[in-house]
Amino acid sequence: NRPTVSLVTQAYETGVKLTQTAMADLEKQFHRLPGLEKWFVEITPQAA
């Protein structure tokens, strides 16, 4: 099973931050490597 990859061509705004609730929802999909939690994040995709 291969991931779907797409090129992002639009520019993102700087300084935009997620709410704590929105970030908590995303964190449920993250798997962090112990000792490198801040830098190593594997994201589990949501089921279609």
PDB file of N, CA and C in Angstrom:
ATOM      1  N   ASN A   1       0.844  -1.180   0.000  1.00  0.00           N
ATOM      2  CA  ASN A   1       0.000   0.000   0.000  1.00  0.00           C
ATOM      3  C   ASN A   1       0.887   1.240   0.000  1.00  0.00           C
ATOM      4  N   ARG A   2       0.792   2.037  -1.037  1.00  0.00           N
ATOM      5  CA  ARG A   2       1.635   3.223  -1.159  1.00  0.00           C
ATOM      6  C   ARG A   2       0.844   4.483  -0.821  1.00  0.00           C
ATOM      7  N   PRO A   3       1.520   5.471  -0.235  1.00  0.00           N
ATOM      8  CA  PRO A   3       0.822   6.716   0.098  1.00  0.00           C
ATOM      9  C   PRO A   3       0.513   7.527  -1.157  1.00  0.00           C
ATOM     10  N   THR A   4      -0.492   8.364  -1.060  1.00  0.00           N
ATOM     11  CA  THR A   4      -0.810   9.296  -2.132  1.00  0.00           C
ATOM     12  C   THR A   4      -0.037  10.576  -1.866  1.00  0.00           C
ATOM     13  N   VAL A   5       0.694  11.036  -2.863  1.00  0.00           N
ATOM     14  CA  VAL A   5       1.519  12.232  -2.712  1.00  0.00           C
ATOM     15  C   VAL A   5       1.059  13.267  -3.717  1.00  0.00           C
ATOM     16  N   SER A   6       0.960  14.514  -3.273  1.00  0.00           N
ATOM     17  CA  SER A   6       0.593  15.587  -4.200  1.00  0.00           C
ATOM     18  C   SER A   6       1.478  16.798  -3.937  1.00  0.00           C
ATOM     19  N   LEU A   7       1.750  17.554  -4.982  1.00  0.00           N
ATOM     20  CA  LEU A   7       2.594  18.736  -4.895  1.00  0.00           C
ATOM     21  C   LEU A   7       1.759  19.922  -4.435  1.00  0.00           C
ATOM     22  N   VAL A   8       2.249  20.639  -3.439  1.00  0.00           N
ATOM     23  CA  VAL A   8       1.574  21.840  -2.952  1.00  0.00           C
ATOM     24  C   VAL A   8       2.210  23.034  -3.654  1.00  0.00           C
ATOM     25  N   THR A   9       1.408  23.789  -4.384  1.00  0.00           N
ATOM     26  CA  THR A   9       1.942  24.924  -5.142  1.00  0.00           C
ATOM     27  C   THR A   9       1.565  26.268  -4.537  1.00  0.00           C
ATOM     28  N   GLN A  10       0.688  26.270  -3.546  1.00  0.00           N
ATOM     29  CA  GLN A  10       0.285  27.536  -2.936  1.00  0.00           C
ATOM     30  C   GLN A  10       1.216  27.882  -1.783  1.00  0.00           C
ATOM     31  N   ALA A  11       1.298  29.166  -1.463  1.00  0.00           N
ATOM     32  CA  ALA A  11       2.117  29.619  -0.345  1.00  0.00           C
ATOM     33  C   ALA A  11       1.285  29.602   0.931  1.00  0.00           C
ATOM     34  N   TYR A  12       1.908  29.220   2.023  1.00  0.00           N
ATOM     35  CA  TYR A  12       1.235  29.217   3.311  1.00  0.00           C
ATOM     36  C   TYR A  12       1.494  30.541   4.023  1.00  0.00           C
ATOM     37  N   GLU A  13       0.518  30.994   4.792  1.00  0.00           N
ATOM     38  CA  GLU A  13       0.700  32.202   5.588  1.00  0.00           C
ATOM     39  C   GLU A  13       1.624  31.886   6.755  1.00  0.00           C
ATOM     40  N   THR A  14       2.457  32.848   7.119  1.00  0.00           N
ATOM     41  CA  THR A  14       3.339  32.651   8.266  1.00  0.00           C
ATOM     42  C   THR A  14       2.637  33.139   9.526  1.00  0.00           C
ATOM     43  N   GLY A  15       3.023  32.611  10.650  1.00  0.00           N
ATOM     44  CA  GLY A  15       2.487  33.047  11.928  1.00  0.00           C
ATOM     45  C   GLY A  15       1.130  32.465  12.289  1.00  0.00           C
ATOM     46  N   VAL A  16       0.607  31.563  11.476  1.00  0.00           N
ATOM     47  CA  VAL A  16      -0.690  30.946  11.761  1.00  0.00           C
ATOM     48  C   VAL A  16      -0.473  29.785  12.727  1.00  0.00           C
ATOM     49  N   LYS A  17      -1.250  29.745  13.797  1.00  0.00           N
ATOM     50  CA  LYS A  17      -1.110  28.679  14.788  1.00  0.00           C
ATOM     51  C   LYS A  17      -2.441  27.977  14.983  1.00  0.00           C
ATOM     52  N   LEU A  18      -2.368  26.691  15.296  1.00  0.00           N
ATOM     53  CA  LEU A  18      -3.566  25.910  15.591  1.00  0.00           C
ATOM     54  C   LEU A  18      -4.002  26.152  17.029  1.00  0.00           C
ATOM     55  N   THR A  19      -5.290  25.969  17.274  1.00  0.00           N
ATOM     56  CA  THR A  19      -5.772  26.015  18.653  1.00  0.00           C
ATOM     57  C   THR A  19      -5.289  24.756  19.365  1.00  0.00           C
ATOM     58  N   GLN A  20      -5.322  24.768  20.679  1.00  0.00           N
ATOM     59  CA  GLN A  20      -4.896  23.590  21.440  1.00  0.00           C
ATOM     60  C   GLN A  20      -5.786  22.395  21.130  1.00  0.00           C
ATOM     61  N   THR A  21      -7.072  22.635  20.922  1.00  0.00           N
ATOM     62  CA  THR A  21      -7.999  21.552  20.596  1.00  0.00           C
ATOM     63  C   THR A  21      -7.666  20.943  19.241  1.00  0.00           C
ATOM     64  N   ALA A  22      -7.403  21.792  18.245  1.00  0.00           N
ATOM     65  CA  ALA A  22      -7.069  21.305  16.904  1.00  0.00           C
ATOM     66  C   ALA A  22      -5.757  20.523  16.931  1.00  0.00           C
ATOM     67  N   MET A  23      -4.773  21.014  17.680  1.00  0.00           N
ATOM     68  CA  MET A  23      -3.487  20.317  17.768  1.00  0.00           C
ATOM     69  C   MET A  23      -3.645  18.986  18.491  1.00  0.00           C
ATOM     70  N   ALA A  24      -4.481  18.935  19.509  1.00  0.00           N
ATOM     71  CA  ALA A  24      -4.714  17.681  20.238  1.00  0.00           C
ATOM     72  C   ALA A  24      -5.325  16.633  19.313  1.00  0.00           C
ATOM     73  N   ASP A  25      -6.219  17.056  18.419  1.00  0.00           N
ATOM     74  CA  ASP A  25      -6.809  16.129  17.452  1.00  0.00           C
ATOM     75  C   ASP A  25      -5.746  15.581  16.506  1.00  0.00           C
ATOM     76  N   LEU A  26      -4.831  16.442  16.060  1.00  0.00           N
ATOM     77  CA  LEU A  26      -3.757  15.992  15.167  1.00  0.00           C
ATOM     78  C   LEU A  26      -2.772  15.079  15.892  1.00  0.00           C
ATOM     79  N   GLU A  27      -2.483  15.390  17.149  1.00  0.00           N
ATOM     80  CA  GLU A  27      -1.525  14.595  17.925  1.00  0.00           C
ATOM     81  C   GLU A  27      -1.942  13.130  18.022  1.00  0.00           C
ATOM     82  N   LYS A  28      -3.227  12.855  17.913  1.00  0.00           N
ATOM     83  CA  LYS A  28      -3.715  11.474  17.967  1.00  0.00           C
ATOM     84  C   LYS A  28      -3.190  10.654  16.790  1.00  0.00           C
ATOM     85  N   GLN A  29      -2.822  11.325  15.701  1.00  0.00           N
ATOM     86  CA  GLN A  29      -2.322  10.649  14.506  1.00  0.00           C
ATOM     87  C   GLN A  29      -0.791  10.589  14.469  1.00  0.00           C
ATOM     88  N   PHE A  30      -0.129  11.257  15.406  1.00  0.00           N
ATOM     89  CA  PHE A  30       1.330  11.333  15.405  1.00  0.00           C
ATOM     90  C   PHE A  30       1.934  10.212  16.238  1.00  0.00           C
ATOM     91  N   HIS A  31       3.040   9.689  15.775  1.00  0.00           N
ATOM     92  CA  HIS A  31       3.863   8.748  16.537  1.00  0.00           C
ATOM     93  C   HIS A  31       5.242   9.380  16.610  1.00  0.00           C
ATOM     94  N   ARG A  32       5.706   9.653  17.820  1.00  0.00           N
ATOM     95  CA  ARG A  32       6.989  10.336  18.005  1.00  0.00           C
ATOM     96  C   ARG A  32       8.049   9.352  18.490  1.00  0.00           C
ATOM     97  N   LEU A  33       9.257   9.492  17.971  1.00  0.00           N
ATOM     98  CA  LEU A  33      10.372   8.641  18.360  1.00  0.00           C
ATOM     99  C   LEU A  33      10.889   9.087  19.728  1.00  0.00           C
ATOM    100  N   PRO A  34      10.916   8.194  20.717  1.00  0.00           N
ATOM    101  CA  PRO A  34      11.405   8.564  22.049  1.00  0.00           C
ATOM    102  C   PRO A  34      12.808   9.162  21.974  1.00  0.00           C
ATOM    103  N   GLY A  35      12.981  10.281  22.641  1.00  0.00           N
ATOM    104  CA  GLY A  35      14.260  10.983  22.636  1.00  0.00           C
ATOM    105  C   GLY A  35      14.357  12.035  21.546  1.00  0.00           C
ATOM    106  N   LEU A  36      13.541  11.912  20.515  1.00  0.00           N
ATOM    107  CA  LEU A  36      13.535  12.886  19.415  1.00  0.00           C
ATOM    108  C   LEU A  36      12.109  13.389  19.149  1.00  0.00           C
ATOM    109  N   GLU A  37      11.299  13.449  20.190  1.00  0.00           N
ATOM    110  CA  GLU A  37       9.887  13.779  20.041  1.00  0.00           C
ATOM    111  C   GLU A  37       9.640  15.064  19.259  1.00  0.00           C
ATOM    112  N   LYS A  38      10.477  16.058  19.475  1.00  0.00           N
ATOM    113  CA  LYS A  38      10.273  17.361  18.831  1.00  0.00           C
ATOM    114  C   LYS A  38      10.570  17.316  17.333  1.00  0.00           C
ATOM    115  N   TRP A  39      11.473  16.443  16.901  1.00  0.00           N
ATOM    116  CA  TRP A  39      11.935  16.452  15.520  1.00  0.00           C
ATOM    117  C   TRP A  39      11.461  15.275  14.678  1.00  0.00           C
ATOM    118  N   PHE A  40      11.147  14.150  15.287  1.00  0.00           N
ATOM    119  CA  PHE A  40      10.764  12.962  14.521  1.00  0.00           C
ATOM    120  C   PHE A  40       9.292  12.674  14.737  1.00  0.00           C
ATOM    121  N   VAL A  41       8.504  12.878  13.690  1.00  0.00           N
ATOM    122  CA  VAL A  41       7.064  12.634  13.775  1.00  0.00           C
ATOM    123  C   VAL A  41       6.648  11.787  12.589  1.00  0.00           C
ATOM    124  N   GLU A  42       6.056  10.638  12.871  1.00  0.00           N
ATOM    125  CA  GLU A  42       5.455   9.806  11.831  1.00  0.00           C
ATOM    126  C   GLU A  42       3.952  10.030  11.931  1.00  0.00           C
ATOM    127  N   ILE A  43       3.319  10.347  10.811  1.00  0.00           N
ATOM    128  CA  ILE A  43       1.895  10.659  10.808  1.00  0.00           C
ATOM    129  C   ILE A  43       1.127   9.490  10.226  1.00  0.00           C
ATOM    130  N   THR A  44       0.194   8.961  10.996  1.00  0.00           N
ATOM    131  CA  THR A  44      -0.660   7.872  10.544  1.00  0.00           C
ATOM    132  C   THR A  44      -1.838   8.469   9.786  1.00  0.00           C
ATOM    133  N   PRO A  45      -2.028   8.094   8.522  1.00  0.00           N
ATOM    134  CA  PRO A  45      -3.137   8.670   7.749  1.00  0.00           C
ATOM    135  C   PRO A  45      -4.491   8.199   8.265  1.00  0.00           C
ATOM    136  N   GLN A  46      -5.488   9.041   8.076  1.00  0.00           N
ATOM    137  CA  GLN A  46      -6.854   8.676   8.447  1.00  0.00           C
ATOM    138  C   GLN A  46      -7.412   7.736   7.396  1.00  0.00           C
ATOM    139  N   ALA A  47      -8.291   6.853   7.815  1.00  0.00           N
ATOM    140  CA  ALA A  47      -8.951   5.948   6.871  1.00  0.00           C
ATOM    141  C   ALA A  47      -9.867   6.756   5.959  1.00  0.00           C
ATOM    142  N   ALA A  48      -9.943   6.355   4.702  1.00  0.00           N
ATOM    143  CA  ALA A  48     -10.754   7.100   3.730  1.00  0.00           C
ATOM    144  C   ALA A  48     -12.225   6.927   3.953  1.00  0.00           C
TER     145      ALA A  48
END
